[in-house]
Amino acid sequence: MAKDPIYRIKFVNQDEVYEIYARYIYQSDLWGFLEIEELVFGSQTQVVVDPSEEKLKQQFEGVERSYIPMHSVIRIDEVTQEGVAKITEAKGTGTVSHFPMMPPRN
């Protein structure tokens, strides 16, 4: 029997790039968001501990489902096995102009 796929999701969150692994990902009923369920983190038997993965574990502890804005997603890959979840600094974002937003109506 084939194993369930695992997805690697890279997205931007507050000037950092998050790379997480999940078993389920789909478009949310909440317009403009992706739903991610069953986050997968590295094995507890590893001797070397990655501080960014530990930070992600703590941040997503107790989370059953996460909603990620579609405009924050960089890439989604289907992979054969999970890797190390990590947080890296978003480089080069200073040259990107944000799409102009409408001013709020009073």
PDB file of N, CA and C in Angstrom:
ATOM      1  N   MET A   1       0.840  -1.182   0.000  1.00  0.00           N
ATOM      2  CA  MET A   1       0.000   0.000   0.000  1.00  0.00           C
ATOM      3  C   MET A   1       0.886   1.248   0.000  1.00  0.00           C
ATOM      4  N   ALA A   2       0.554   2.232  -0.809  1.00  0.00           N
ATOM      5  CA  ALA A   2       1.357   3.453  -0.927  1.00  0.00           C
ATOM      6  C   ALA A   2       1.200   4.328   0.312  1.00  0.00           C
ATOM      7  N   LYS A   3       2.305   4.989   0.685  1.00  0.00           N
ATOM      8  CA  LYS A   3       2.270   5.906   1.817  1.00  0.00           C
ATOM      9  C   LYS A   3       1.557   7.183   1.420  1.00  0.00           C
ATOM     10  N   ASP A   4       0.957   7.845   2.414  1.00  0.00           N
ATOM     11  CA  ASP A   4       0.351   9.145   2.161  1.00  0.00           C
ATOM     12  C   ASP A   4       1.451  10.130   1.794  1.00  0.00           C
ATOM     13  N   PRO A   5       1.162  11.026   0.858  1.00  0.00           N
ATOM     14  CA  PRO A   5       2.191  11.996   0.477  1.00  0.00           C
ATOM     15  C   PRO A   5       2.459  12.989   1.607  1.00  0.00           C
ATOM     16  N   ILE A   6       3.647  13.558   1.572  1.00  0.00           N
ATOM     17  CA  ILE A   6       4.035  14.607   2.502  1.00  0.00           C
ATOM     18  C   ILE A   6       4.349  15.833   1.661  1.00  0.00           C
ATOM     19  N   TYR A   7       3.911  16.987   2.114  1.00  0.00           N
ATOM     20  CA  TYR A   7       4.105  18.220   1.371  1.00  0.00           C
ATOM     21  C   TYR A   7       5.063  19.147   2.110  1.00  0.00           C
ATOM     22  N   ARG A   8       5.985  19.726   1.362  1.00  0.00           N
ATOM     23  CA  ARG A   8       6.882  20.751   1.901  1.00  0.00           C
ATOM     24  C   ARG A   8       6.310  22.099   1.469  1.00  0.00           C
ATOM     25  N   ILE A   9       6.008  22.949   2.442  1.00  0.00           N
ATOM     26  CA  ILE A   9       5.406  24.247   2.175  1.00  0.00           C
ATOM     27  C   ILE A   9       6.383  25.332   2.601  1.00  0.00           C
ATOM     28  N   LYS A  10       6.711  26.229   1.671  1.00  0.00           N
ATOM     29  CA  LYS A  10       7.550  27.386   1.987  1.00  0.00           C
ATOM     30  C   LYS A  10       6.683  28.620   1.864  1.00  0.00           C
ATOM     31  N   PHE A  11       6.696  29.442   2.926  1.00  0.00           N
ATOM     32  CA  PHE A  11       5.916  30.673   2.890  1.00  0.00           C
ATOM     33  C   PHE A  11       6.609  31.748   3.712  1.00  0.00           C
ATOM     34  N   VAL A  12       6.246  32.992   3.430  1.00  0.00           N
ATOM     35  CA  VAL A  12       6.839  34.134   4.115  1.00  0.00           C
ATOM     36  C   VAL A  12       5.945  34.514   5.288  1.00  0.00           C
ATOM     37  N   ASN A  13       6.594  34.733   6.448  1.00  0.00           N
ATOM     38  CA  ASN A  13       5.885  35.168   7.643  1.00  0.00           C
ATOM     39  C   ASN A  13       6.757  36.180   8.368  1.00  0.00           C
ATOM     40  N   GLN A  14       6.365  37.447   8.355  1.00  0.00           N
ATOM     41  CA  GLN A  14       7.068  38.516   9.061  1.00  0.00           C
ATOM     42  C   GLN A  14       8.558  38.548   8.739  1.00  0.00           C
ATOM     43  N   ASP A  15       8.887  38.704   7.471  1.00  0.00           N
ATOM     44  CA  ASP A  15      10.263  38.817   6.971  1.00  0.00           C
ATOM     45  C   ASP A  15      11.116  37.575   7.222  1.00  0.00           C
ATOM     46  N   GLU A  16      10.482  36.435   7.403  1.00  0.00           N
ATOM     47  CA  GLU A  16      11.188  35.159   7.525  1.00  0.00           C
ATOM     48  C   GLU A  16      10.517  34.154   6.597  1.00  0.00           C
ATOM     49  N   VAL A  17      11.306  33.208   6.100  1.00  0.00           N
ATOM     50  CA  VAL A  17      10.767  32.146   5.258  1.00  0.00           C
ATOM     51  C   VAL A  17      10.629  30.895   6.123  1.00  0.00           C
ATOM     52  N   TYR A  18       9.406  30.411   6.240  1.00  0.00           N
ATOM     53  CA  TYR A  18       9.126  29.192   6.989  1.00  0.00           C
ATOM     54  C   TYR A  18       9.089  28.034   6.006  1.00  0.00           C
ATOM     55  N   GLU A  19       9.725  26.943   6.369  1.00  0.00           N
ATOM     56  CA  GLU A  19       9.652  25.713   5.588  1.00  0.00           C
ATOM     57  C   GLU A  19       9.116  24.644   6.523  1.00  0.00           C
ATOM     58  N   ILE A  20       7.893  24.181   6.257  1.00  0.00           N
ATOM     59  CA  ILE A  20       7.256  23.188   7.118  1.00  0.00           C
ATOM     60  C   ILE A  20       6.789  22.012   6.267  1.00  0.00           C
ATOM     61  N   TYR A  21       6.512  20.918   6.934  1.00  0.00           N
ATOM     62  CA  TYR A  21       6.039  19.699   6.280  1.00  0.00           C
ATOM     63  C   TYR A  21       4.684  19.323   6.852  1.00  0.00           C
ATOM     64  N   ALA A  22       3.777  18.900   5.967  1.00  0.00           N
ATOM     65  CA  ALA A  22       2.435  18.537   6.394  1.00  0.00           C
ATOM     66  C   ALA A  22       1.920  17.374   5.553  1.00  0.00           C
ATOM     67  N   ARG A  23       0.981  16.646   6.124  1.00  0.00           N
ATOM     68  CA  ARG A  23       0.386  15.508   5.410  1.00  0.00           C
ATOM     69  C   ARG A  23      -0.772  15.940   4.501  1.00  0.00           C
ATOM     70  N   TYR A  24      -1.488  16.988   4.891  1.00  0.00           N
ATOM     71  CA  TYR A  24      -2.660  17.422   4.116  1.00  0.00           C
ATOM     72  C   TYR A  24      -2.594  18.921   3.870  1.00  0.00           C
ATOM     73  N   ILE A  25      -2.897  19.308   2.631  1.00  0.00           N
ATOM     74  CA  ILE A  25      -2.964  20.720   2.269  1.00  0.00           C
ATOM     75  C   ILE A  25      -4.043  20.880   1.212  1.00  0.00           C
ATOM     76  N   TYR A  26      -4.878  21.873   1.393  1.00  0.00           N
ATOM     77  CA  TYR A  26      -5.932  22.121   0.421  1.00  0.00           C
ATOM     78  C   TYR A  26      -6.432  23.549   0.526  1.00  0.00           C
ATOM     79  N   GLN A  27      -7.151  23.977  -0.509  1.00  0.00           N
ATOM     80  CA  GLN A  27      -7.698  25.326  -0.523  1.00  0.00           C
ATOM     81  C   GLN A  27      -8.793  25.413   0.523  1.00  0.00           C
ATOM     82  N   SER A  28      -8.754  26.476   1.292  1.00  0.00           N
ATOM     83  CA  SER A  28      -9.696  26.655   2.387  1.00  0.00           C
ATOM     84  C   SER A  28     -11.017  27.231   1.896  1.00  0.00           C
ATOM     85  N   ASP A  29     -12.066  27.001   2.673  1.00  0.00           N
ATOM     86  CA  ASP A  29     -13.336  27.678   2.435  1.00  0.00           C
ATOM     87  C   ASP A  29     -13.207  29.157   2.792  1.00  0.00           C
ATOM     88  N   LEU A  30     -12.216  29.464   3.598  1.00  0.00           N
ATOM     89  CA  LEU A  30     -11.901  30.841   3.956  1.00  0.00           C
ATOM     90  C   LEU A  30     -11.159  31.433   2.760  1.00  0.00           C
ATOM     91  N   TRP A  31     -11.771  32.351   2.051  1.00  0.00           N
ATOM     92  CA  TRP A  31     -11.259  32.839   0.777  1.00  0.00           C
ATOM     93  C   TRP A  31      -9.849  33.401   0.903  1.00  0.00           C
ATOM     94  N   GLY A  32      -8.938  32.942   0.022  1.00  0.00           N
ATOM     95  CA  GLY A  32      -7.576  33.453  -0.028  1.00  0.00           C
ATOM     96  C   GLY A  32      -6.598  32.729   0.881  1.00  0.00           C
ATOM     97  N   PHE A  33      -6.998  31.615   1.466  1.00  0.00           N
ATOM     98  CA  PHE A  33      -6.129  30.883   2.387  1.00  0.00           C
ATOM     99  C   PHE A  33      -6.001  29.427   1.968  1.00  0.00           C
ATOM    100  N   LEU A  34      -4.862  28.828   2.352  1.00  0.00           N
ATOM    101  CA  LEU A  34      -4.659  27.388   2.239  1.00  0.00           C
ATOM    102  C   LEU A  34      -4.767  26.792   3.634  1.00  0.00           C
ATOM    103  N   GLU A  35      -5.342  25.613   3.726  1.00  0.00           N
ATOM    104  CA  GLU A  35      -5.408  24.903   5.006  1.00  0.00           C
ATOM    105  C   GLU A  35      -4.329  23.837   5.025  1.00  0.00           C
ATOM    106  N   ILE A  36      -3.612  23.777   6.129  1.00  0.00           N
ATOM    107  CA  ILE A  36      -2.562  22.787   6.299  1.00  0.00           C
ATOM    108  C   ILE A  36      -2.863  22.007   7.561  1.00  0.00           C
ATOM    109  N   GLU A  37      -2.871  20.682   7.451  1.00  0.00           N
ATOM    110  CA  GLU A  37      -3.174  19.821   8.590  1.00  0.00           C
ATOM    111  C   GLU A  37      -2.075  18.795   8.791  1.00  0.00           C
ATOM    112  N   GLU A  38      -1.982  18.305  10.006  1.00  0.00           N
ATOM    113  CA  GLU A  38      -1.021  17.279  10.420  1.00  0.00           C
ATOM    114  C   GLU A  38       0.409  17.658  10.059  1.00  0.00           C
ATOM    115  N   LEU A  39       0.908  18.664  10.730  1.00  0.00           N
ATOM    116  CA  LEU A  39       2.299  19.075  10.539  1.00  0.00           C
ATOM    117  C   LEU A  39       3.227  17.949  10.955  1.00  0.00           C
ATOM    118  N   VAL A  40       4.322  17.786  10.215  1.00  0.00           N
ATOM    119  CA  VAL A  40       5.280  16.716  10.464  1.00  0.00           C
ATOM    120  C   VAL A  40       6.617  17.348  10.814  1.00  0.00           C
ATOM    121  N   PHE A  41       7.187  16.941  11.943  1.00  0.00           N
ATOM    122  CA  PHE A  41       8.498  17.418  12.352  1.00  0.00           C
ATOM    123  C   PHE A  41       9.453  16.245  12.412  1.00  0.00           C
ATOM    124  N   GLY A  42      10.768  16.541  12.448  1.00  0.00           N
ATOM    125  CA  GLY A  42      11.801  15.512  12.461  1.00  0.00           C
ATOM    126  C   GLY A  42      11.650  14.540  13.612  1.00  0.00           C
ATOM    127  N   SER A  43      12.349  13.456  13.511  1.00  0.00           N
ATOM    128  CA  SER A  43      12.311  12.396  14.510  1.00  0.00           C
ATOM    129  C   SER A  43      12.859  12.874  15.851  1.00  0.00           C
ATOM    130  N   GLN A  44      12.275  12.413  16.928  1.00  0.00           N
ATOM    131  CA  GLN A  44      12.727  12.748  18.276  1.00  0.00           C
ATOM    132  C   GLN A  44      14.033  12.052  18.631  1.00  0.00           C
ATOM    133  N   THR A  45      14.476  11.107  17.791  1.00  0.00           N
ATOM    134  CA  THR A  45      15.685  10.345  18.105  1.00  0.00           C
ATOM    135  C   THR A  45      16.953  11.022  17.611  1.00  0.00           C
ATOM    136  N   GLN A  46      16.819  12.165  16.949  1.00  0.00           N
ATOM    137  CA  GLN A  46      17.998  12.853  16.435  1.00  0.00           C
ATOM    138  C   GLN A  46      18.814  13.418  17.591  1.00  0.00           C
ATOM    139  N   VAL A  47      20.118  13.295  17.492  1.00  0.00           N
ATOM    140  CA  VAL A  47      21.014  13.805  18.530  1.00  0.00           C
ATOM    141  C   VAL A  47      21.202  15.311  18.382  1.00  0.00           C
ATOM    142  N   VAL A  48      21.365  15.772  17.135  1.00  0.00           N
ATOM    143  CA  VAL A  48      21.560  17.196  16.877  1.00  0.00           C
ATOM    144  C   VAL A  48      20.191  17.868  16.789  1.00  0.00           C
ATOM    145  N   VAL A  49      20.017  18.941  17.544  1.00  0.00           N
ATOM    146  CA  VAL A  49      18.753  19.647  17.568  1.00  0.00           C
ATOM    147  C   VAL A  49      18.915  20.967  16.827  1.00  0.00           C
ATOM    148  N   ASP A  50      18.047  21.213  15.855  1.00  0.00           N
ATOM    149  CA  ASP A  50      18.062  22.455  15.102  1.00  0.00           C
ATOM    150  C   ASP A  50      17.193  23.478  15.832  1.00  0.00           C
ATOM    151  N   PRO A  51      17.758  24.618  16.249  1.00  0.00           N
ATOM    152  CA  PRO A  51      16.975  25.599  17.007  1.00  0.00           C
ATOM    153  C   PRO A  51      15.774  26.148  16.244  1.00  0.00           C
ATOM    154  N   SER A  52      15.880  26.307  14.913  1.00  0.00           N
ATOM    155  CA  SER A  52      14.732  26.832  14.171  1.00  0.00           C
ATOM    156  C   SER A  52      13.603  25.812  14.109  1.00  0.00           C
ATOM    157  N   GLU A  53      13.950  24.517  14.044  1.00  0.00           N
ATOM    158  CA  GLU A  53      12.901  23.499  14.063  1.00  0.00           C
ATOM    159  C   GLU A  53      12.230  23.456  15.430  1.00  0.00           C
ATOM    160  N   GLU A  54      13.007  23.607  16.489  1.00  0.00           N
ATOM    161  CA  GLU A  54      12.429  23.636  17.839  1.00  0.00           C
ATOM    162  C   GLU A  54      11.495  24.833  18.005  1.00  0.00           C
ATOM    163  N   LYS A  55      11.878  25.971  17.416  1.00  0.00           N
ATOM    164  CA  LYS A  55      11.034  27.165  17.478  1.00  0.00           C
ATOM    165  C   LYS A  55       9.709  26.905  16.755  1.00  0.00           C
ATOM    166  N   LEU A  56       9.782  26.238  15.597  1.00  0.00           N
ATOM    167  CA  LEU A  56       8.563  25.914  14.854  1.00  0.00           C
ATOM    168  C   LEU A  56       7.688  24.923  15.628  1.00  0.00           C
ATOM    169  N   LYS A  57       8.309  23.927  16.246  1.00  0.00           N
ATOM    170  CA  LYS A  57       7.546  22.963  17.050  1.00  0.00           C
ATOM    171  C   LYS A  57       6.778  23.677  18.157  1.00  0.00           C
ATOM    172  N   GLN A  58       7.452  24.597  18.831  1.00  0.00           N
ATOM    173  CA  GLN A  58       6.793  25.341  19.906  1.00  0.00           C
ATOM    174  C   GLN A  58       5.694  26.245  19.353  1.00  0.00           C
ATOM    175  N   GLN A  59       5.962  26.882  18.233  1.00  0.00           N
ATOM    176  CA  GLN A  59       4.996  27.803  17.653  1.00  0.00           C
ATOM    177  C   GLN A  59       3.736  27.079  17.192  1.00  0.00           C
ATOM    178  N   PHE A  60       3.879  25.869  16.662  1.00  0.00           N
ATOM    179  CA  PHE A  60       2.734  25.119  16.144  1.00  0.00           C
ATOM    180  C   PHE A  60       2.248  24.039  17.106  1.00  0.00           C
ATOM    181  N   GLU A  61       2.720  24.038  18.341  1.00  0.00           N
ATOM    182  CA  GLU A  61       2.295  23.049  19.331  1.00  0.00           C
ATOM    183  C   GLU A  61       0.798  23.190  19.588  1.00  0.00           C
ATOM    184  N   GLY A  62       0.091  22.093  19.485  1.00  0.00           N
ATOM    185  CA  GLY A  62      -1.347  22.075  19.732  1.00  0.00           C
ATOM    186  C   GLY A  62      -2.189  22.563  18.562  1.00  0.00           C
ATOM    187  N   VAL A  63      -1.571  22.902  17.445  1.00  0.00           N
ATOM    188  CA  VAL A  63      -2.304  23.390  16.275  1.00  0.00           C
ATOM    189  C   VAL A  63      -2.804  22.191  15.470  1.00  0.00           C
ATOM    190  N   GLU A  64      -4.119  22.123  15.270  1.00  0.00           N
ATOM    191  CA  GLU A  64      -4.689  21.050  14.460  1.00  0.00           C
ATOM    192  C   GLU A  64      -4.705  21.413  12.983  1.00  0.00           C
ATOM    193  N   ARG A  65      -4.939  22.700  12.720  1.00  0.00           N
ATOM    194  CA  ARG A  65      -5.051  23.172  11.344  1.00  0.00           C
ATOM    195  C   ARG A  65      -4.510  24.596  11.300  1.00  0.00           C
ATOM    196  N   SER A  66      -3.765  24.912  10.251  1.00  0.00           N
ATOM    197  CA  SER A  66      -3.212  26.253  10.093  1.00  0.00           C
ATOM    198  C   SER A  66      -3.699  26.814   8.767  1.00  0.00           C
ATOM    199  N   TYR A  67      -4.034  28.098   8.777  1.00  0.00           N
ATOM    200  CA  TYR A  67      -4.480  28.794   7.573  1.00  0.00           C
ATOM    201  C   TYR A  67      -3.368  29.739   7.132  1.00  0.00           C
ATOM    202  N   ILE A  68      -2.876  29.542   5.912  1.00  0.00           N
ATOM    203  CA  ILE A  68      -1.772  30.336   5.392  1.00  0.00           C
ATOM    204  C   ILE A  68      -2.305  31.174   4.223  1.00  0.00           C
ATOM    205  N   PRO A  69      -2.069  32.490   4.249  1.00  0.00           N
ATOM    206  CA  PRO A  69      -2.532  33.311   3.118  1.00  0.00           C
ATOM    207  C   PRO A  69      -1.860  32.880   1.825  1.00  0.00           C
ATOM    208  N   MET A  70      -2.647  32.752   0.776  1.00  0.00           N
ATOM    209  CA  MET A  70      -2.097  32.294  -0.506  1.00  0.00           C
ATOM    210  C   MET A  70      -0.998  33.208  -1.020  1.00  0.00           C
ATOM    211  N   HIS A  71      -1.104  34.511  -0.790  1.00  0.00           N
ATOM    212  CA  HIS A  71      -0.099  35.427  -1.302  1.00  0.00           C
ATOM    213  C   HIS A  71       1.234  35.313  -0.554  1.00  0.00           C
ATOM    214  N   SER A  72       1.268  34.574   0.564  1.00  0.00           N
ATOM    215  CA  SER A  72       2.512  34.368   1.306  1.00  0.00           C
ATOM    216  C   SER A  72       3.262  33.122   0.856  1.00  0.00           C
ATOM    217  N   VAL A  73       2.587  32.239   0.137  1.00  0.00           N
ATOM    218  CA  VAL A  73       3.178  30.958  -0.261  1.00  0.00           C
ATOM    219  C   VAL A  73       4.196  31.175  -1.375  1.00  0.00           C
ATOM    220  N   ILE A  74       5.383  30.620  -1.154  1.00  0.00           N
ATOM    221  CA  ILE A  74       6.440  30.675  -2.168  1.00  0.00           C
ATOM    222  C   ILE A  74       6.383  29.434  -3.046  1.00  0.00           C
ATOM    223  N   ARG A  75       6.231  28.269  -2.389  1.00  0.00           N
ATOM    224  CA  ARG A  75       6.318  27.013  -3.129  1.00  0.00           C
ATOM    225  C   ARG A  75       5.715  25.882  -2.296  1.00  0.00           C
ATOM    226  N   ILE A  76       5.129  24.899  -2.990  1.00  0.00           N
ATOM    227  CA  ILE A  76       4.621  23.684  -2.356  1.00  0.00           C
ATOM    228  C   ILE A  76       5.147  22.510  -3.165  1.00  0.00           C
ATOM    229  N   ASP A  77       5.809  21.573  -2.494  1.00  0.00           N
ATOM    230  CA  ASP A  77       6.344  20.384  -3.157  1.00  0.00           C
ATOM    231  C   ASP A  77       5.786  19.136  -2.484  1.00  0.00           C
ATOM    232  N   GLU A  78       5.488  18.111  -3.284  1.00  0.00           N
ATOM    233  CA  GLU A  78       5.161  16.803  -2.730  1.00  0.00           C
ATOM    234  C   GLU A  78       6.474  16.042  -2.643  1.00  0.00           C
ATOM    235  N   VAL A  79       6.820  15.565  -1.445  1.00  0.00           N
ATOM    236  CA  VAL A  79       8.096  14.896  -1.228  1.00  0.00           C
ATOM    237  C   VAL A  79       7.853  13.477  -0.710  1.00  0.00           C
ATOM    238  N   THR A  80       8.885  12.646  -0.781  1.00  0.00           N
ATOM    239  CA  THR A  80       8.746  11.258  -0.352  1.00  0.00           C
ATOM    240  C   THR A  80       8.912  11.094   1.155  1.00  0.00           C
ATOM    241  N   GLN A  81       9.673  11.996   1.775  1.00  0.00           N
ATOM    242  CA  GLN A  81       9.828  11.928   3.228  1.00  0.00           C
ATOM    243  C   GLN A  81      10.052  13.331   3.779  1.00  0.00           C
ATOM    244  N   GLU A  82       9.730  13.500   5.061  1.00  0.00           N
ATOM    245  CA  GLU A  82       9.887  14.830   5.657  1.00  0.00           C
ATOM    246  C   GLU A  82      11.355  15.172   5.841  1.00  0.00           C
ATOM    247  N   GLY A  83      11.629  16.443   5.835  1.00  0.00           N
ATOM    248  CA  GLY A  83      12.967  16.944   6.096  1.00  0.00           C
ATOM    249  C   GLY A  83      12.938  17.738   7.391  1.00  0.00           C
ATOM    250  N   VAL A  84      13.896  18.617   7.541  1.00  0.00           N
ATOM    251  CA  VAL A  84      13.980  19.436   8.742  1.00  0.00           C
ATOM    252  C   VAL A  84      13.201  20.717   8.503  1.00  0.00           C
ATOM    253  N   ALA A  85      12.208  20.965   9.343  1.00  0.00           N
ATOM    254  CA  ALA A  85      11.474  22.221   9.280  1.00  0.00           C
ATOM    255  C   ALA A  85      12.407  23.328   9.742  1.00  0.00           C
ATOM    256  N   LYS A  86      12.329  24.482   9.082  1.00  0.00           N
ATOM    257  CA  LYS A  86      13.275  25.538   9.450  1.00  0.00           C
ATOM    258  C   LYS A  86      12.712  26.914   9.154  1.00  0.00           C
ATOM    259  N   ILE A  87      13.351  27.899   9.767  1.00  0.00           N
ATOM    260  CA  ILE A  87      13.041  29.298   9.537  1.00  0.00           C
ATOM    261  C   ILE A  87      14.327  29.957   9.052  1.00  0.00           C
ATOM    262  N   THR A  88      14.246  30.678   7.936  1.00  0.00           N
ATOM    263  CA  THR A  88      15.396  31.408   7.440  1.00  0.00           C
ATOM    264  C   THR A  88      14.990  32.859   7.187  1.00  0.00           C
ATOM    265  N   GLU A  89      15.987  33.715   7.148  1.00  0.00           N
ATOM    266  CA  GLU A  89      15.738  35.131   6.896  1.00  0.00           C
ATOM    267  C   GLU A  89      15.362  35.315   5.426  1.00  0.00           C
ATOM    268  N   ALA A  90      14.335  36.113   5.182  1.00  0.00           N
ATOM    269  CA  ALA A  90      13.938  36.415   3.808  1.00  0.00           C
ATOM    270  C   ALA A  90      14.881  37.470   3.253  1.00  0.00           C
ATOM    271  N   LYS A  91      15.687  37.088   2.290  1.00  0.00           N
ATOM    272  CA  LYS A  91      16.671  38.004   1.705  1.00  0.00           C
ATOM    273  C   LYS A  91      16.135  38.551   0.393  1.00  0.00           C
ATOM    274  N   GLY A  92      16.467  39.797   0.123  1.00  0.00           N
ATOM    275  CA  GLY A  92      16.087  40.394  -1.141  1.00  0.00           C
ATOM    276  C   GLY A  92      14.677  40.927  -1.203  1.00  0.00           C
ATOM    277  N   THR A  93      13.955  40.926  -0.086  1.00  0.00           N
ATOM    278  CA  THR A  93      12.578  41.409  -0.113  1.00  0.00           C
ATOM    279  C   THR A  93      12.508  42.925  -0.127  1.00  0.00           C
ATOM    280  N   GLY A  94      13.627  43.602   0.110  1.00  0.00           N
ATOM    281  CA  GLY A  94      13.613  45.054   0.129  1.00  0.00           C
ATOM    282  C   GLY A  94      13.393  45.683  -1.233  1.00  0.00           C
ATOM    283  N   THR A  95      13.625  44.946  -2.316  1.00  0.00           N
ATOM    284  CA  THR A  95      13.462  45.493  -3.658  1.00  0.00           C
ATOM    285  C   THR A  95      12.094  45.182  -4.251  1.00  0.00           C
ATOM    286  N   VAL A  96      11.259  44.501  -3.521  1.00  0.00           N
ATOM    287  CA  VAL A  96       9.934  44.138  -4.012  1.00  0.00           C
ATOM    288  C   VAL A  96       8.932  45.184  -3.555  1.00  0.00           C
ATOM    289  N   SER A  97       8.162  45.696  -4.499  1.00  0.00           N
ATOM    290  CA  SER A  97       7.121  46.666  -4.152  1.00  0.00           C
ATOM    291  C   SER A  97       5.822  45.928  -3.906  1.00  0.00           C
ATOM    292  N   HIS A  98       5.135  46.302  -2.859  1.00  0.00           N
ATOM    293  CA  HIS A  98       3.844  45.690  -2.553  1.00  0.00           C
ATOM    294  C   HIS A  98       2.780  46.247  -3.487  1.00  0.00           C
ATOM    295  N   PHE A  99       1.809  45.436  -3.791  1.00  0.00           N
ATOM    296  CA  PHE A  99       0.705  45.856  -4.634  1.00  0.00           C
ATOM    297  C   PHE A  99      -0.062  46.961  -3.910  1.00  0.00           C
ATOM    298  N   PRO A 100      -0.378  48.055  -4.593  1.00  0.00           N
ATOM    299  CA  PRO A 100      -1.056  49.152  -3.884  1.00  0.00           C
ATOM    300  C   PRO A 100      -2.413  48.725  -3.376  1.00  0.00           C
ATOM    301  N   MET A 101      -2.720  49.152  -2.183  1.00  0.00           N
ATOM    302  CA  MET A 101      -3.986  48.816  -1.537  1.00  0.00           C
ATOM    303  C   MET A 101      -4.898  50.045  -1.578  1.00  0.00           C
ATOM    304  N   MET A 102      -6.166  49.806  -1.604  1.00  0.00           N
ATOM    305  CA  MET A 102      -7.140  50.898  -1.559  1.00  0.00           C
ATOM    306  C   MET A 102      -7.174  51.476  -0.154  1.00  0.00           C
ATOM    307  N   PRO A 103      -7.230  52.793  -0.017  1.00  0.00           N
ATOM    308  CA  PRO A 103      -7.351  53.355   1.329  1.00  0.00           C
ATOM    309  C   PRO A 103      -8.703  53.005   1.924  1.00  0.00           C
ATOM    310  N   PRO A 104      -8.760  52.842   3.242  1.00  0.00           N
ATOM    311  CA  PRO A 104     -10.045  52.487   3.855  1.00  0.00           C
ATOM    312  C   PRO A 104     -11.062  53.619   3.681  1.00  0.00           C
ATOM    313  N   ARG A 105     -12.294  53.214   3.490  1.00  0.00           N
ATOM    314  CA  ARG A 105     -13.366  54.206   3.356  1.00  0.00           C
ATOM    315  C   ARG A 105     -13.886  54.562   4.737  1.00  0.00           C
ATOM    316  N   ASN A 106     -14.155  55.819   4.916  1.00  0.00           N
ATOM    317  CA  ASN A 106     -14.673  56.288   6.216  1.00  0.00           C
ATOM    318  C   ASN A 106     -16.167  56.405   6.205  1.00  0.00           C
TER     319      ASN A 106
END
